[in-house]
Amino acid sequence: MALMTRADFQAGVEDILAVPSGSLKDTDSRDTVESWSSIADVQIVTYLSSELGIEPDAELIEAETFGDLVKKLEERGVLSA
């Protein structure tokens, strides 16, 4: 399993969502980011799979906010500070 920094993960998600670099907050969600659609969810899951080698599961897919997603990835030991 690969390891990625939180900053690298955030940059990747910001790229997928087409938002300015450094603008994504832990509280951001599908409700607050206009470009965060179900298609973006699939792209984020694909990104996790290709970059970190982890298979998405219900727990990751059900993350409500960017911060929730980060927390779940940190708990799995795939994100570093």
N, C-alpha and C. Protein backbone atom coordinates (compact mmCIF):
# COMPACT_ATOMS: atom_id res chain seq x y z
N MET A 1 0.85 -1.18 0.00
CA MET A 1 0.00 0.00 0.00
C MET A 1 0.89 1.25 0.00
N ALA A 2 0.52 2.19 -0.79
CA ALA A 2 1.29 3.43 -0.91
C ALA A 2 0.96 4.38 0.22
N LEU A 3 1.77 5.42 0.34
CA LEU A 3 1.53 6.45 1.34
C LEU A 3 1.56 7.79 0.63
N MET A 4 0.69 8.69 1.06
CA MET A 4 0.58 10.00 0.43
C MET A 4 0.44 11.04 1.54
N THR A 5 0.96 12.21 1.30
CA THR A 5 0.76 13.27 2.29
C THR A 5 -0.64 13.83 2.15
N ARG A 6 -1.13 14.41 3.22
CA ARG A 6 -2.44 15.04 3.18
C ARG A 6 -2.47 16.14 2.12
N ALA A 7 -1.37 16.90 2.03
CA ALA A 7 -1.30 17.99 1.05
C ALA A 7 -1.40 17.46 -0.37
N ASP A 8 -0.73 16.34 -0.65
CA ASP A 8 -0.80 15.74 -1.98
C ASP A 8 -2.21 15.24 -2.29
N PHE A 9 -2.84 14.63 -1.29
CA PHE A 9 -4.21 14.14 -1.48
C PHE A 9 -5.15 15.32 -1.73
N GLN A 10 -5.00 16.37 -0.94
CA GLN A 10 -5.85 17.55 -1.12
C GLN A 10 -5.65 18.14 -2.51
N ALA A 11 -4.41 18.23 -2.96
CA ALA A 11 -4.14 18.78 -4.29
C ALA A 11 -4.80 17.92 -5.37
N GLY A 12 -4.75 16.61 -5.20
CA GLY A 12 -5.38 15.72 -6.16
C GLY A 12 -6.89 15.89 -6.21
N VAL A 13 -7.51 16.00 -5.04
CA VAL A 13 -8.97 16.19 -4.98
C VAL A 13 -9.35 17.56 -5.53
N GLU A 14 -8.55 18.57 -5.22
CA GLU A 14 -8.83 19.91 -5.75
C GLU A 14 -8.74 19.90 -7.28
N ASP A 15 -7.80 19.14 -7.81
CA ASP A 15 -7.67 19.03 -9.26
C ASP A 15 -8.91 18.36 -9.85
N ILE A 16 -9.37 17.28 -9.22
CA ILE A 16 -10.57 16.58 -9.68
C ILE A 16 -11.78 17.51 -9.65
N LEU A 17 -11.90 18.28 -8.57
CA LEU A 17 -13.06 19.17 -8.40
C LEU A 17 -12.90 20.49 -9.16
N ALA A 18 -11.73 20.73 -9.72
CA ALA A 18 -11.44 21.97 -10.46
C ALA A 18 -11.67 23.20 -9.59
N VAL A 19 -11.15 23.13 -8.36
CA VAL A 19 -11.19 24.29 -7.45
C VAL A 19 -9.77 24.79 -7.26
N PRO A 20 -9.61 26.05 -6.86
CA PRO A 20 -8.26 26.59 -6.68
C PRO A 20 -7.44 25.80 -5.66
N SER A 21 -6.16 25.69 -5.94
CA SER A 21 -5.24 24.99 -5.04
C SER A 21 -5.27 25.61 -3.65
N GLY A 22 -5.39 24.77 -2.64
CA GLY A 22 -5.40 25.22 -1.26
C GLY A 22 -6.75 25.72 -0.77
N SER A 23 -7.78 25.63 -1.61
CA SER A 23 -9.07 26.20 -1.22
C SER A 23 -10.01 25.21 -0.53
N LEU A 24 -9.75 23.92 -0.67
CA LEU A 24 -10.65 22.91 -0.10
C LEU A 24 -10.48 22.86 1.41
N LYS A 25 -11.59 22.98 2.13
CA LYS A 25 -11.58 22.94 3.60
C LYS A 25 -12.13 21.61 4.08
N ASP A 26 -11.80 21.24 5.32
CA ASP A 26 -12.29 19.99 5.89
C ASP A 26 -13.80 19.94 5.92
N THR A 27 -14.45 21.11 6.01
CA THR A 27 -15.90 21.16 6.10
C THR A 27 -16.59 21.10 4.74
N ASP A 28 -15.81 21.18 3.67
CA ASP A 28 -16.41 21.16 2.33
C ASP A 28 -17.01 19.78 2.02
N SER A 29 -18.12 19.82 1.28
CA SER A 29 -18.85 18.60 0.94
C SER A 29 -19.52 18.78 -0.41
N ARG A 30 -20.29 17.78 -0.79
CA ARG A 30 -21.05 17.87 -2.04
C ARG A 30 -22.00 19.07 -2.00
N ASP A 31 -22.40 19.48 -0.81
CA ASP A 31 -23.34 20.60 -0.66
C ASP A 31 -22.67 21.96 -0.82
N THR A 32 -21.37 22.04 -0.57
CA THR A 32 -20.70 23.34 -0.59
C THR A 32 -19.79 23.55 -1.80
N VAL A 33 -19.46 22.48 -2.50
CA VAL A 33 -18.59 22.58 -3.68
C VAL A 33 -19.43 22.23 -4.90
N GLU A 34 -19.68 23.23 -5.72
CA GLU A 34 -20.59 23.06 -6.86
C GLU A 34 -20.18 21.92 -7.79
N SER A 35 -18.87 21.76 -8.00
CA SER A 35 -18.39 20.74 -8.94
C SER A 35 -18.31 19.34 -8.34
N TRP A 36 -18.65 19.19 -7.04
CA TRP A 36 -18.56 17.88 -6.38
C TRP A 36 -19.84 17.10 -6.65
N SER A 37 -19.81 16.30 -7.69
CA SER A 37 -20.97 15.53 -8.12
C SER A 37 -20.70 14.04 -7.91
N SER A 38 -21.66 13.22 -8.29
CA SER A 38 -21.44 11.78 -8.20
C SER A 38 -20.31 11.35 -9.14
N ILE A 39 -20.15 12.06 -10.25
CA ILE A 39 -19.04 11.76 -11.16
C ILE A 39 -17.71 12.07 -10.47
N ALA A 40 -17.65 13.18 -9.74
CA ALA A 40 -16.44 13.52 -8.99
C ALA A 40 -16.16 12.46 -7.92
N ASP A 41 -17.22 11.94 -7.29
CA ASP A 41 -17.04 10.85 -6.31
C ASP A 41 -16.32 9.67 -6.95
N VAL A 42 -16.76 9.30 -8.14
CA VAL A 42 -16.14 8.17 -8.85
C VAL A 42 -14.68 8.51 -9.17
N GLN A 43 -14.41 9.74 -9.59
CA GLN A 43 -13.04 10.15 -9.90
C GLN A 43 -12.17 10.12 -8.65
N ILE A 44 -12.70 10.54 -7.51
CA ILE A 44 -11.94 10.53 -6.25
C ILE A 44 -11.62 9.09 -5.86
N VAL A 45 -12.61 8.21 -5.96
CA VAL A 45 -12.42 6.80 -5.63
C VAL A 45 -11.38 6.17 -6.56
N THR A 46 -11.45 6.49 -7.83
CA THR A 46 -10.47 5.98 -8.80
C THR A 46 -9.07 6.49 -8.47
N TYR A 47 -8.99 7.75 -8.09
CA TYR A 47 -7.72 8.37 -7.68
C TYR A 47 -7.14 7.62 -6.48
N LEU A 48 -7.98 7.35 -5.48
CA LEU A 48 -7.51 6.62 -4.29
C LEU A 48 -6.99 5.23 -4.68
N SER A 49 -7.71 4.59 -5.55
CA SER A 49 -7.32 3.25 -5.97
C SER A 49 -6.00 3.26 -6.73
N SER A 50 -5.86 4.20 -7.67
CA SER A 50 -4.65 4.22 -8.49
C SER A 50 -3.44 4.76 -7.74
N GLU A 51 -3.64 5.77 -6.90
CA GLU A 51 -2.50 6.39 -6.21
C GLU A 51 -2.11 5.68 -4.91
N LEU A 52 -3.10 5.15 -4.19
CA LEU A 52 -2.83 4.54 -2.89
C LEU A 52 -3.01 3.03 -2.88
N GLY A 53 -3.59 2.51 -3.94
CA GLY A 53 -3.78 1.07 -4.01
C GLY A 53 -4.82 0.54 -3.05
N ILE A 54 -5.75 1.39 -2.63
CA ILE A 54 -6.80 0.90 -1.74
C ILE A 54 -8.11 0.81 -2.49
N GLU A 55 -8.86 -0.22 -2.16
CA GLU A 55 -10.16 -0.40 -2.78
C GLU A 55 -11.19 0.38 -1.96
N PRO A 56 -11.98 1.17 -2.62
CA PRO A 56 -13.01 1.93 -1.91
C PRO A 56 -14.05 1.00 -1.31
N ASP A 57 -14.55 1.37 -0.17
CA ASP A 57 -15.62 0.60 0.46
C ASP A 57 -16.70 1.57 0.91
N ALA A 58 -17.75 1.04 1.49
CA ALA A 58 -18.89 1.88 1.89
C ALA A 58 -18.46 3.00 2.83
N GLU A 59 -17.52 2.70 3.74
CA GLU A 59 -17.08 3.71 4.70
C GLU A 59 -16.48 4.93 4.00
N LEU A 60 -15.64 4.71 3.01
CA LEU A 60 -15.04 5.82 2.27
C LEU A 60 -16.09 6.54 1.42
N ILE A 61 -16.92 5.77 0.77
CA ILE A 61 -17.92 6.35 -0.12
C ILE A 61 -18.93 7.18 0.66
N GLU A 62 -19.20 6.80 1.91
CA GLU A 62 -20.18 7.51 2.72
C GLU A 62 -19.63 8.73 3.43
N ALA A 63 -18.35 9.00 3.29
CA ALA A 63 -17.76 10.20 3.93
C ALA A 63 -18.52 11.43 3.45
N GLU A 64 -18.98 12.24 4.41
CA GLU A 64 -19.81 13.40 4.08
C GLU A 64 -18.99 14.61 3.64
N THR A 65 -17.83 14.80 4.26
CA THR A 65 -17.02 15.99 3.98
C THR A 65 -15.61 15.58 3.59
N PHE A 66 -14.86 16.55 3.07
CA PHE A 66 -13.46 16.29 2.75
C PHE A 66 -12.70 15.87 4.02
N GLY A 67 -12.99 16.54 5.13
CA GLY A 67 -12.35 16.20 6.40
C GLY A 67 -12.65 14.78 6.84
N ASP A 68 -13.90 14.33 6.65
CA ASP A 68 -14.26 12.95 6.98
C ASP A 68 -13.44 11.96 6.16
N LEU A 69 -13.30 12.28 4.89
CA LEU A 69 -12.53 11.42 3.99
C LEU A 69 -11.07 11.35 4.43
N VAL A 70 -10.50 12.49 4.75
CA VAL A 70 -9.11 12.54 5.23
C VAL A 70 -8.96 11.71 6.51
N LYS A 71 -9.89 11.89 7.44
CA LYS A 71 -9.83 11.16 8.72
C LYS A 71 -9.86 9.65 8.48
N LYS A 72 -10.73 9.20 7.60
CA LYS A 72 -10.84 7.77 7.33
C LYS A 72 -9.55 7.24 6.69
N LEU A 73 -8.94 8.04 5.83
CA LEU A 73 -7.68 7.63 5.20
C LEU A 73 -6.53 7.63 6.20
N GLU A 74 -6.53 8.61 7.12
CA GLU A 74 -5.50 8.64 8.17
C GLU A 74 -5.64 7.44 9.08
N GLU A 75 -6.88 7.07 9.41
CA GLU A 75 -7.11 5.89 10.27
C GLU A 75 -6.58 4.62 9.62
N ARG A 76 -6.58 4.58 8.30
CA ARG A 76 -6.07 3.41 7.57
C ARG A 76 -4.57 3.46 7.39
N GLY A 77 -3.96 4.57 7.79
CA GLY A 77 -2.51 4.69 7.70
C GLY A 77 -1.97 4.97 6.32
N VAL A 78 -2.81 5.51 5.42
CA VAL A 78 -2.35 5.78 4.06
C VAL A 78 -2.04 7.25 3.80
N LEU A 79 -2.40 8.11 4.77
CA LEU A 79 -2.07 9.53 4.65
C LEU A 79 -1.12 9.91 5.77
N SER A 80 -0.12 10.70 5.42
CA SER A 80 0.79 11.23 6.44
C SER A 80 0.61 12.74 6.51
N ALA A 81 1.16 13.33 7.55
CA ALA A 81 0.98 14.77 7.77
C ALA A 81 1.51 15.60 6.64
